[in-house]
């Protein structure tokens, strides 16, 4: 067990904490939930950086990191959809969760055929993740800051993240197509 793996496990442990606090009937619950999500997002940045910087990359970390990310994001998106059950919220959430499942399966399959490097994380994927994390934070927080409608900003960013999600998925599928199309 090393520091990056502990941070990844912390991100997983924060999921039930987020859910409980999000649903508390107190005025501060949204703000604290947003902070918990921000902490989880920061651990995502920090664990990978520390693993590389400290030479603590591990098979466990390589497995757990994307699992922790997807668990946190999917959980929070489902909670947000439950709070805002509209088709306009459901569409980008379904796109984002569907893409995560598709790309996870694609990466697993590509690893089985010895071609995982063809679907490695791209810079577009990192931009998508950044837009997604900021969108989710804004949607959780909701309150305007300096007359900036944070919820609306989050909603717009969620759609931008959904577009980037489809775009990055297409890039991964095109990269994998030669292997996918083999007899």
N, C-alpha and C. Protein backbone atom coordinates (compact mmCIF):
# COMPACT_ATOMS: atom_id res chain seq x y z
N UNK A 1 0.86 -1.18 0.00
CA UNK A 1 0.00 0.00 0.00
C UNK A 1 0.90 1.24 0.00
N UNK A 2 0.60 2.16 -0.89
CA UNK A 2 1.39 3.38 -0.99
C UNK A 2 0.46 4.59 -0.99
N UNK A 3 1.03 5.78 -0.97
CA UNK A 3 0.24 7.02 -0.88
C UNK A 3 -0.75 7.14 -2.05
N UNK A 4 -0.33 6.95 -3.31
CA UNK A 4 -1.32 7.06 -4.40
C UNK A 4 -2.49 6.09 -4.25
N UNK A 5 -2.21 4.86 -3.84
CA UNK A 5 -3.30 3.89 -3.67
C UNK A 5 -4.20 4.27 -2.50
N UNK A 6 -3.63 4.83 -1.45
CA UNK A 6 -4.45 5.29 -0.32
C UNK A 6 -5.37 6.42 -0.77
N UNK A 7 -4.86 7.33 -1.59
CA UNK A 7 -5.70 8.42 -2.11
C UNK A 7 -6.84 7.87 -2.98
N UNK A 8 -6.54 6.85 -3.77
CA UNK A 8 -7.57 6.24 -4.61
C UNK A 8 -8.63 5.57 -3.74
N UNK A 9 -8.20 4.85 -2.72
CA UNK A 9 -9.15 4.21 -1.80
C UNK A 9 -9.97 5.26 -1.05
N UNK A 10 -9.35 6.39 -0.72
CA UNK A 10 -10.07 7.48 -0.07
C UNK A 10 -11.19 7.97 -0.99
N UNK A 11 -10.91 8.08 -2.28
CA UNK A 11 -11.92 8.52 -3.24
C UNK A 11 -13.11 7.56 -3.23
N UNK A 12 -12.85 6.28 -3.17
CA UNK A 12 -13.94 5.29 -3.10
C UNK A 12 -14.70 5.42 -1.78
N UNK A 13 -13.96 5.61 -0.69
CA UNK A 13 -14.60 5.75 0.63
C UNK A 13 -15.45 7.01 0.72
N UNK A 14 -15.13 8.03 -0.05
CA UNK A 14 -15.89 9.28 -0.02
C UNK A 14 -17.26 9.15 -0.69
N UNK A 15 -17.49 8.11 -1.47
CA UNK A 15 -18.76 7.96 -2.17
C UNK A 15 -19.94 7.87 -1.20
N UNK A 16 -19.94 6.94 -0.24
CA UNK A 16 -21.09 6.91 0.68
C UNK A 16 -21.17 8.16 1.56
N UNK A 17 -20.03 8.74 1.88
CA UNK A 17 -20.04 9.99 2.66
C UNK A 17 -20.73 11.08 1.86
N UNK A 18 -20.39 11.18 0.58
CA UNK A 18 -21.03 12.16 -0.30
C UNK A 18 -22.54 11.95 -0.31
N UNK A 19 -22.98 10.71 -0.52
CA UNK A 19 -24.42 10.43 -0.63
C UNK A 19 -25.15 10.83 0.65
N UNK A 20 -24.63 10.42 1.79
CA UNK A 20 -25.29 10.74 3.06
C UNK A 20 -25.39 12.25 3.25
N UNK A 21 -24.30 12.95 3.05
CA UNK A 21 -24.31 14.40 3.27
C UNK A 21 -25.20 15.10 2.24
N UNK A 22 -25.17 14.65 1.00
CA UNK A 22 -25.99 15.27 -0.05
C UNK A 22 -27.46 15.26 0.33
N UNK A 23 -27.92 14.18 0.94
CA UNK A 23 -29.34 14.04 1.26
C UNK A 23 -29.72 14.56 2.66
N UNK A 24 -28.76 15.06 3.40
CA UNK A 24 -29.11 15.62 4.71
C UNK A 24 -30.01 16.85 4.54
N UNK A 25 -30.97 17.02 5.44
CA UNK A 25 -31.91 18.15 5.30
C UNK A 25 -31.40 19.45 5.93
N UNK A 26 -30.15 19.78 5.67
CA UNK A 26 -29.57 20.99 6.24
C UNK A 26 -29.15 21.92 5.12
N UNK A 27 -29.15 23.21 5.41
CA UNK A 27 -28.82 24.21 4.39
C UNK A 27 -27.38 24.08 3.89
N UNK A 28 -26.50 23.54 4.70
CA UNK A 28 -25.09 23.44 4.33
C UNK A 28 -24.75 22.14 3.58
N UNK A 29 -25.73 21.26 3.40
CA UNK A 29 -25.45 19.94 2.82
C UNK A 29 -24.90 20.03 1.40
N UNK A 30 -25.45 20.90 0.58
CA UNK A 30 -24.96 21.02 -0.80
C UNK A 30 -23.53 21.51 -0.85
N UNK A 31 -23.23 22.52 -0.05
CA UNK A 31 -21.87 23.07 -0.05
C UNK A 31 -20.86 22.03 0.39
N UNK A 32 -21.19 21.28 1.45
CA UNK A 32 -20.27 20.25 1.94
C UNK A 32 -20.17 19.11 0.92
N UNK A 33 -21.27 18.76 0.29
CA UNK A 33 -21.24 17.72 -0.76
C UNK A 33 -20.35 18.16 -1.91
N UNK A 34 -20.46 19.42 -2.30
CA UNK A 34 -19.62 19.94 -3.38
C UNK A 34 -18.14 19.88 -2.97
N UNK A 35 -17.85 20.21 -1.72
CA UNK A 35 -16.47 20.13 -1.24
C UNK A 35 -15.95 18.69 -1.23
N UNK A 36 -16.80 17.76 -0.85
CA UNK A 36 -16.41 16.35 -0.86
C UNK A 36 -16.10 15.90 -2.28
N UNK A 37 -16.95 16.31 -3.22
CA UNK A 37 -16.69 15.96 -4.62
C UNK A 37 -15.39 16.60 -5.10
N UNK A 38 -15.18 17.87 -4.74
CA UNK A 38 -13.94 18.55 -5.13
C UNK A 38 -12.73 17.84 -4.55
N UNK A 39 -12.82 17.39 -3.30
CA UNK A 39 -11.73 16.64 -2.68
C UNK A 39 -11.47 15.34 -3.45
N UNK A 40 -12.53 14.66 -3.82
CA UNK A 40 -12.38 13.42 -4.60
C UNK A 40 -11.72 13.71 -5.94
N UNK A 41 -12.14 14.78 -6.61
CA UNK A 41 -11.54 15.15 -7.90
C UNK A 41 -10.06 15.48 -7.73
N UNK A 42 -9.72 16.17 -6.65
CA UNK A 42 -8.31 16.50 -6.39
C UNK A 42 -7.48 15.26 -6.11
N UNK A 43 -8.05 14.29 -5.40
CA UNK A 43 -7.29 13.06 -5.15
C UNK A 43 -7.04 12.32 -6.47
N UNK A 44 -7.96 12.48 -7.42
CA UNK A 44 -7.76 11.86 -8.74
C UNK A 44 -6.54 12.47 -9.43
N UNK A 45 -6.43 13.78 -9.36
CA UNK A 45 -5.25 14.44 -9.94
C UNK A 45 -3.98 14.06 -9.19
N UNK A 46 -4.07 14.07 -7.89
CA UNK A 46 -2.90 13.89 -7.04
C UNK A 46 -2.37 12.46 -7.06
N UNK A 47 -3.26 11.45 -7.08
CA UNK A 47 -2.76 10.07 -6.99
C UNK A 47 -1.90 9.70 -8.20
N UNK A 48 -2.34 10.08 -9.39
CA UNK A 48 -1.54 9.78 -10.58
C UNK A 48 -0.22 10.52 -10.59
N UNK A 49 -0.28 11.79 -10.22
CA UNK A 49 0.94 12.61 -10.17
C UNK A 49 1.94 12.01 -9.18
N UNK A 50 1.46 11.69 -7.97
CA UNK A 50 2.35 11.13 -6.94
C UNK A 50 2.89 9.76 -7.35
N UNK A 51 2.06 8.95 -7.97
CA UNK A 51 2.52 7.62 -8.40
C UNK A 51 3.71 7.75 -9.35
N UNK A 52 3.59 8.68 -10.30
CA UNK A 52 4.70 8.87 -11.25
C UNK A 52 5.89 9.54 -10.58
N UNK A 53 5.63 10.57 -9.80
CA UNK A 53 6.70 11.37 -9.17
C UNK A 53 7.50 10.55 -8.15
N UNK A 54 6.78 9.72 -7.37
CA UNK A 54 7.43 8.93 -6.32
C UNK A 54 7.84 7.53 -6.80
N UNK A 55 7.58 7.24 -8.07
CA UNK A 55 7.90 5.91 -8.59
C UNK A 55 7.07 4.83 -7.90
N UNK A 56 5.81 5.15 -7.57
CA UNK A 56 4.96 4.21 -6.85
C UNK A 56 3.81 3.70 -7.71
N UNK A 57 4.04 3.62 -9.01
CA UNK A 57 3.02 3.06 -9.89
C UNK A 57 2.90 1.57 -9.59
N UNK A 58 1.66 1.10 -9.58
CA UNK A 58 1.45 -0.31 -9.25
C UNK A 58 0.29 -0.86 -10.05
N UNK A 59 0.22 -2.17 -10.13
CA UNK A 59 -0.89 -2.83 -10.82
C UNK A 59 -2.20 -2.53 -10.10
N UNK A 60 -2.16 -2.55 -8.77
CA UNK A 60 -3.36 -2.23 -7.99
C UNK A 60 -3.83 -0.82 -8.30
N UNK A 61 -2.92 0.13 -8.32
CA UNK A 61 -3.27 1.52 -8.63
C UNK A 61 -3.81 1.68 -10.03
N UNK A 62 -3.19 1.00 -11.00
CA UNK A 62 -3.64 1.08 -12.39
C UNK A 62 -5.05 0.52 -12.53
N UNK A 63 -5.39 -0.47 -11.71
CA UNK A 63 -6.75 -1.03 -11.73
C UNK A 63 -7.72 -0.13 -10.98
N UNK A 64 -7.35 0.27 -9.75
CA UNK A 64 -8.28 0.99 -8.88
C UNK A 64 -8.58 2.41 -9.35
N UNK A 65 -7.60 3.12 -9.89
CA UNK A 65 -7.80 4.53 -10.23
C UNK A 65 -8.98 4.75 -11.18
N UNK A 66 -9.04 4.06 -12.33
CA UNK A 66 -10.20 4.30 -13.20
C UNK A 66 -11.51 3.79 -12.59
N UNK A 67 -11.43 2.74 -11.79
CA UNK A 67 -12.64 2.23 -11.13
C UNK A 67 -13.17 3.29 -10.15
N UNK A 68 -12.28 3.85 -9.35
CA UNK A 68 -12.69 4.89 -8.39
C UNK A 68 -13.29 6.09 -9.11
N UNK A 69 -12.67 6.50 -10.20
CA UNK A 69 -13.18 7.64 -10.97
C UNK A 69 -14.60 7.37 -11.46
N UNK A 70 -14.78 6.23 -12.08
CA UNK A 70 -16.07 5.91 -12.66
C UNK A 70 -17.14 5.72 -11.59
N UNK A 71 -16.79 5.11 -10.47
CA UNK A 71 -17.75 4.95 -9.38
C UNK A 71 -18.21 6.29 -8.84
N UNK A 72 -17.26 7.19 -8.60
CA UNK A 72 -17.62 8.50 -8.06
C UNK A 72 -18.45 9.29 -9.05
N UNK A 73 -18.00 9.37 -10.29
CA UNK A 73 -18.72 10.17 -11.29
C UNK A 73 -20.11 9.59 -11.54
N UNK A 74 -20.22 8.29 -11.74
CA UNK A 74 -21.53 7.69 -12.02
C UNK A 74 -22.48 7.88 -10.84
N UNK A 75 -21.98 7.69 -9.63
CA UNK A 75 -22.82 7.86 -8.44
C UNK A 75 -23.34 9.28 -8.35
N UNK A 76 -22.46 10.25 -8.50
CA UNK A 76 -22.87 11.65 -8.37
C UNK A 76 -23.82 12.04 -9.51
N UNK A 77 -23.56 11.57 -10.72
CA UNK A 77 -24.46 11.89 -11.82
C UNK A 77 -25.85 11.30 -11.59
N UNK A 78 -25.92 10.10 -11.05
CA UNK A 78 -27.23 9.48 -10.77
C UNK A 78 -27.96 10.26 -9.68
N UNK A 79 -27.24 10.68 -8.66
CA UNK A 79 -27.84 11.49 -7.59
C UNK A 79 -28.35 12.81 -8.17
N UNK A 80 -27.56 13.44 -9.03
CA UNK A 80 -27.99 14.70 -9.65
C UNK A 80 -29.22 14.49 -10.52
N UNK A 81 -29.27 13.40 -11.25
CA UNK A 81 -30.43 13.10 -12.09
C UNK A 81 -31.67 12.88 -11.22
N UNK A 82 -31.48 12.23 -10.10
CA UNK A 82 -32.61 12.02 -9.18
C UNK A 82 -33.13 13.36 -8.66
N UNK A 83 -32.23 14.31 -8.42
CA UNK A 83 -32.63 15.63 -7.94
C UNK A 83 -33.25 16.49 -9.04
N UNK A 84 -32.86 16.24 -10.28
CA UNK A 84 -33.33 17.03 -11.44
C UNK A 84 -33.78 16.06 -12.54
N UNK A 85 -34.90 15.37 -12.33
CA UNK A 85 -35.32 14.32 -13.27
C UNK A 85 -35.98 14.88 -14.53
N UNK A 86 -35.15 15.41 -15.40
CA UNK A 86 -35.65 15.91 -16.68
C UNK A 86 -34.91 15.20 -17.80
N UNK A 87 -35.52 15.20 -18.95
CA UNK A 87 -34.87 14.59 -20.11
C UNK A 87 -33.58 15.33 -20.44
N UNK A 88 -33.55 16.64 -20.20
CA UNK A 88 -32.38 17.44 -20.53
C UNK A 88 -31.20 17.15 -19.60
N UNK A 89 -31.49 16.66 -18.42
CA UNK A 89 -30.41 16.22 -17.52
C UNK A 89 -30.05 14.76 -17.83
N UNK A 90 -31.06 13.97 -18.18
CA UNK A 90 -30.82 12.54 -18.43
C UNK A 90 -29.95 12.30 -19.67
N UNK A 91 -30.11 13.11 -20.70
CA UNK A 91 -29.38 12.88 -21.95
C UNK A 91 -27.86 12.94 -21.75
N UNK A 92 -27.30 14.05 -21.22
CA UNK A 92 -25.84 14.07 -21.07
C UNK A 92 -25.35 13.05 -20.05
N UNK A 93 -26.15 12.79 -19.02
CA UNK A 93 -25.74 11.80 -18.01
C UNK A 93 -25.69 10.40 -18.63
N UNK A 94 -26.68 10.05 -19.43
CA UNK A 94 -26.67 8.74 -20.09
C UNK A 94 -25.49 8.63 -21.05
N UNK A 95 -25.19 9.71 -21.77
CA UNK A 95 -24.05 9.71 -22.69
C UNK A 95 -22.76 9.48 -21.91
N UNK A 96 -22.58 10.22 -20.82
CA UNK A 96 -21.33 10.13 -20.05
C UNK A 96 -21.17 8.74 -19.43
N UNK A 97 -22.21 8.24 -18.78
CA UNK A 97 -22.11 6.92 -18.13
C UNK A 97 -21.97 5.83 -19.20
N UNK A 98 -22.72 5.94 -20.28
CA UNK A 98 -22.61 4.95 -21.37
C UNK A 98 -21.22 4.90 -21.97
N UNK A 99 -20.62 6.07 -22.16
CA UNK A 99 -19.26 6.14 -22.71
C UNK A 99 -18.27 5.49 -21.75
N UNK A 100 -18.41 5.77 -20.46
CA UNK A 100 -17.48 5.19 -19.49
C UNK A 100 -17.55 3.67 -19.50
N UNK A 101 -18.74 3.13 -19.59
CA UNK A 101 -18.90 1.67 -19.64
C UNK A 101 -18.29 1.13 -20.93
N UNK A 102 -18.59 1.79 -22.05
CA UNK A 102 -18.08 1.34 -23.35
C UNK A 102 -16.56 1.36 -23.41
N UNK A 103 -15.96 2.46 -22.97
CA UNK A 103 -14.51 2.58 -23.06
C UNK A 103 -13.82 1.65 -22.05
N UNK A 104 -14.43 1.45 -20.89
CA UNK A 104 -13.85 0.48 -19.94
C UNK A 104 -13.85 -0.92 -20.55
N UNK A 105 -14.95 -1.29 -21.17
CA UNK A 105 -15.02 -2.61 -21.81
C UNK A 105 -14.02 -2.70 -22.98
N UNK A 106 -13.92 -1.62 -23.76
CA UNK A 106 -12.99 -1.60 -24.88
C UNK A 106 -11.55 -1.75 -24.38
N UNK A 107 -11.19 -1.03 -23.35
CA UNK A 107 -9.82 -1.13 -22.81
C UNK A 107 -9.54 -2.53 -22.27
N UNK A 108 -10.52 -3.12 -21.61
CA UNK A 108 -10.34 -4.48 -21.10
C UNK A 108 -10.13 -5.46 -22.25
N UNK A 109 -10.94 -5.34 -23.27
CA UNK A 109 -10.82 -6.23 -24.42
C UNK A 109 -9.49 -6.01 -25.14
N UNK A 110 -9.12 -4.75 -25.32
CA UNK A 110 -7.85 -4.45 -26.00
C UNK A 110 -6.67 -4.99 -25.19
N UNK A 111 -6.76 -4.94 -23.87
CA UNK A 111 -5.70 -5.51 -23.04
C UNK A 111 -5.61 -7.03 -23.25
N UNK A 112 -6.76 -7.67 -23.40
CA UNK A 112 -6.78 -9.12 -23.63
C UNK A 112 -6.10 -9.49 -24.94
N UNK A 113 -6.22 -8.63 -25.94
CA UNK A 113 -5.60 -8.94 -27.23
C UNK A 113 -4.22 -8.29 -27.36
N UNK A 114 -3.71 -7.75 -26.26
CA UNK A 114 -2.36 -7.19 -26.24
C UNK A 114 -2.21 -5.86 -26.93
N UNK A 115 -3.29 -5.08 -26.99
CA UNK A 115 -3.23 -3.80 -27.70
C UNK A 115 -3.78 -2.64 -26.86
N UNK A 116 -3.66 -2.74 -25.56
CA UNK A 116 -4.22 -1.71 -24.68
C UNK A 116 -3.63 -0.34 -24.96
N UNK A 117 -2.38 -0.25 -25.35
CA UNK A 117 -1.74 1.05 -25.59
C UNK A 117 -2.43 1.83 -26.71
N UNK A 118 -3.16 1.14 -27.58
CA UNK A 118 -3.88 1.82 -28.66
C UNK A 118 -5.07 2.63 -28.15
N UNK A 119 -5.50 2.35 -26.93
CA UNK A 119 -6.63 3.09 -26.35
C UNK A 119 -6.23 3.70 -25.00
N UNK A 120 -4.98 4.14 -24.91
CA UNK A 120 -4.50 4.81 -23.70
C UNK A 120 -5.19 6.17 -23.57
N UNK A 121 -5.20 6.70 -22.36
CA UNK A 121 -5.83 7.99 -22.10
C UNK A 121 -5.19 9.07 -22.97
N UNK A 122 -6.03 9.87 -23.60
CA UNK A 122 -5.54 10.93 -24.48
C UNK A 122 -5.69 12.29 -23.81
N UNK A 123 -5.10 13.30 -24.43
CA UNK A 123 -5.23 14.66 -23.88
C UNK A 123 -6.69 15.13 -24.00
N UNK A 124 -7.40 14.70 -25.03
CA UNK A 124 -8.82 15.05 -25.15
C UNK A 124 -9.60 14.44 -23.99
N UNK A 125 -9.24 13.23 -23.61
CA UNK A 125 -9.89 12.59 -22.46
C UNK A 125 -9.67 13.37 -21.18
N UNK A 126 -8.50 13.96 -21.05
CA UNK A 126 -8.20 14.77 -19.86
C UNK A 126 -9.01 16.07 -19.87
N UNK A 127 -9.16 16.68 -21.04
CA UNK A 127 -9.98 17.89 -21.16
C UNK A 127 -11.44 17.55 -20.84
N UNK A 128 -11.91 16.42 -21.36
CA UNK A 128 -13.26 15.95 -21.09
C UNK A 128 -13.47 15.76 -19.59
N UNK A 129 -12.52 15.13 -18.94
CA UNK A 129 -12.63 14.89 -17.51
C UNK A 129 -12.65 16.20 -16.74
N UNK A 130 -11.83 17.16 -17.13
CA UNK A 130 -11.81 18.46 -16.44
C UNK A 130 -13.16 19.16 -16.58
N UNK A 131 -13.70 19.21 -17.79
CA UNK A 131 -15.01 19.84 -18.00
C UNK A 131 -16.08 19.12 -17.20
N UNK A 132 -16.01 17.81 -17.17
CA UNK A 132 -16.98 17.00 -16.46
C UNK A 132 -16.91 17.26 -14.95
N UNK A 133 -15.71 17.31 -14.40
CA UNK A 133 -15.56 17.52 -12.97
C UNK A 133 -16.04 18.91 -12.55
N UNK A 134 -15.71 19.92 -13.34
CA UNK A 134 -16.16 21.28 -13.02
C UNK A 134 -17.69 21.35 -13.15
N UNK A 135 -18.24 20.73 -14.19
CA UNK A 135 -19.69 20.70 -14.38
C UNK A 135 -20.38 20.07 -13.18
N UNK A 136 -19.88 18.92 -12.78
CA UNK A 136 -20.51 18.21 -11.67
C UNK A 136 -20.42 19.03 -10.38
N UNK A 137 -19.26 19.62 -10.12
CA UNK A 137 -19.12 20.48 -8.94
C UNK A 137 -20.17 21.59 -8.97
N UNK A 138 -20.30 22.27 -10.10
CA UNK A 138 -21.26 23.37 -10.22
C UNK A 138 -22.70 22.89 -10.03
N UNK A 139 -23.02 21.73 -10.57
CA UNK A 139 -24.37 21.19 -10.44
C UNK A 139 -24.68 20.79 -9.00
N UNK A 140 -23.69 20.35 -8.28
CA UNK A 140 -23.90 20.02 -6.87
C UNK A 140 -24.06 21.31 -6.07
N UNK A 141 -23.16 22.24 -6.27
CA UNK A 141 -23.12 23.47 -5.47
C UNK A 141 -24.35 24.34 -5.71
N UNK A 142 -24.69 24.59 -6.94
CA UNK A 142 -25.90 25.27 -7.40
C UNK A 142 -26.00 26.76 -7.11
N UNK A 143 -25.49 27.23 -6.00
CA UNK A 143 -25.69 28.63 -5.60
C UNK A 143 -24.88 29.57 -6.48
N UNK A 144 -25.47 30.70 -6.83
CA UNK A 144 -24.76 31.70 -7.62
C UNK A 144 -23.61 32.30 -6.81
N UNK A 145 -22.53 32.60 -7.50
CA UNK A 145 -21.37 33.24 -6.89
C UNK A 145 -21.08 34.51 -7.68
N UNK A 146 -21.10 35.66 -7.01
CA UNK A 146 -20.87 36.95 -7.67
C UNK A 146 -21.78 37.13 -8.88
N UNK A 147 -23.03 36.79 -8.69
CA UNK A 147 -24.06 36.87 -9.75
C UNK A 147 -23.80 35.94 -10.93
N UNK A 148 -22.90 34.99 -10.79
CA UNK A 148 -22.66 33.99 -11.83
C UNK A 148 -23.59 32.81 -11.51
N UNK A 149 -24.46 32.44 -12.43
CA UNK A 149 -25.39 31.34 -12.18
C UNK A 149 -24.67 29.98 -12.25
N UNK A 150 -24.15 29.55 -11.14
CA UNK A 150 -23.30 28.36 -11.07
C UNK A 150 -24.00 27.12 -11.63
N UNK A 151 -25.27 26.94 -11.29
CA UNK A 151 -25.98 25.77 -11.80
C UNK A 151 -26.06 25.80 -13.33
N UNK A 152 -26.36 26.95 -13.90
CA UNK A 152 -26.43 27.09 -15.36
C UNK A 152 -25.07 26.83 -16.00
N UNK A 153 -24.02 27.35 -15.39
CA UNK A 153 -22.66 27.09 -15.88
C UNK A 153 -22.40 25.58 -15.86
N UNK A 154 -22.78 24.93 -14.77
CA UNK A 154 -22.61 23.48 -14.66
C UNK A 154 -23.38 22.72 -15.72
N UNK A 155 -24.59 23.17 -15.97
CA UNK A 155 -25.45 22.53 -16.97
C UNK A 155 -24.82 22.64 -18.37
N UNK A 156 -24.33 23.84 -18.70
CA UNK A 156 -23.67 24.05 -20.00
C UNK A 156 -22.41 23.19 -20.10
N UNK A 157 -21.61 23.20 -19.03
CA UNK A 157 -20.39 22.38 -19.02
C UNK A 157 -20.70 20.89 -19.11
N UNK A 158 -21.83 20.47 -18.54
CA UNK A 158 -22.21 19.06 -18.62
C UNK A 158 -22.45 18.68 -20.09
N UNK A 159 -23.10 19.57 -20.84
CA UNK A 159 -23.31 19.30 -22.26
C UNK A 159 -21.99 19.35 -23.04
N UNK A 160 -21.12 20.26 -22.68
CA UNK A 160 -19.80 20.31 -23.32
C UNK A 160 -19.05 19.01 -23.02
N UNK A 161 -19.11 18.56 -21.77
CA UNK A 161 -18.46 17.30 -21.39
C UNK A 161 -19.06 16.14 -22.16
N UNK A 162 -20.39 16.15 -22.38
CA UNK A 162 -21.04 15.08 -23.13
C UNK A 162 -20.56 15.05 -24.58
N UNK A 163 -20.42 16.23 -25.19
CA UNK A 163 -19.91 16.30 -26.57
C UNK A 163 -18.47 15.80 -26.61
N UNK A 164 -17.64 16.25 -25.66
CA UNK A 164 -16.25 15.78 -25.60
C UNK A 164 -16.20 14.28 -25.34
N UNK A 165 -17.15 13.78 -24.58
CA UNK A 165 -17.24 12.36 -24.28
C UNK A 165 -17.46 11.55 -25.56
N UNK A 166 -18.41 12.00 -26.38
CA UNK A 166 -18.67 11.30 -27.64
C UNK A 166 -17.46 11.41 -28.56
N UNK A 167 -16.89 12.59 -28.64
CA UNK A 167 -15.71 12.82 -29.50
C UNK A 167 -14.56 11.91 -29.09
N UNK A 168 -14.25 11.88 -27.79
CA UNK A 168 -13.13 11.04 -27.34
C UNK A 168 -13.44 9.56 -27.53
N UNK A 169 -14.71 9.17 -27.34
CA UNK A 169 -15.08 7.77 -27.55
C UNK A 169 -14.87 7.39 -29.02
N UNK A 170 -15.24 8.29 -29.93
CA UNK A 170 -15.02 8.02 -31.36
C UNK A 170 -13.54 7.85 -31.66
N UNK A 171 -12.70 8.68 -31.07
CA UNK A 171 -11.25 8.56 -31.28
C UNK A 171 -10.75 7.21 -30.79
N UNK A 172 -11.20 6.79 -29.59
CA UNK A 172 -10.79 5.49 -29.06
C UNK A 172 -11.29 4.35 -29.95
N UNK A 173 -12.52 4.43 -30.41
CA UNK A 173 -13.08 3.37 -31.25
C UNK A 173 -12.37 3.31 -32.60
N UNK A 174 -12.04 4.47 -33.16
CA UNK A 174 -11.29 4.49 -34.43
C UNK A 174 -9.91 3.86 -34.24
N UNK A 175 -9.26 4.19 -33.11
CA UNK A 175 -7.94 3.62 -32.83
C UNK A 175 -8.02 2.11 -32.66
N UNK A 176 -9.12 1.64 -32.09
CA UNK A 176 -9.27 0.20 -31.84
C UNK A 176 -9.87 -0.54 -33.03
N UNK A 177 -10.42 0.19 -33.99
CA UNK A 177 -11.15 -0.45 -35.09
C UNK A 177 -10.38 -1.55 -35.80
N UNK A 178 -9.09 -1.37 -36.12
CA UNK A 178 -8.38 -2.47 -36.79
C UNK A 178 -8.46 -3.79 -36.01
N UNK A 179 -8.36 -3.72 -34.69
CA UNK A 179 -8.45 -4.94 -33.88
C UNK A 179 -9.90 -5.42 -33.75
N UNK A 180 -10.84 -4.46 -33.66
CA UNK A 180 -12.25 -4.83 -33.53
C UNK A 180 -12.78 -5.48 -34.80
N UNK A 181 -12.27 -5.07 -35.94
CA UNK A 181 -12.79 -5.56 -37.22
C UNK A 181 -12.13 -6.85 -37.69
N UNK A 182 -11.17 -7.36 -36.93
CA UNK A 182 -10.54 -8.63 -37.32
C UNK A 182 -11.53 -9.76 -37.20
N UNK A 183 -11.53 -10.64 -38.16
CA UNK A 183 -12.42 -11.78 -38.25
C UNK A 183 -12.88 -12.28 -36.99
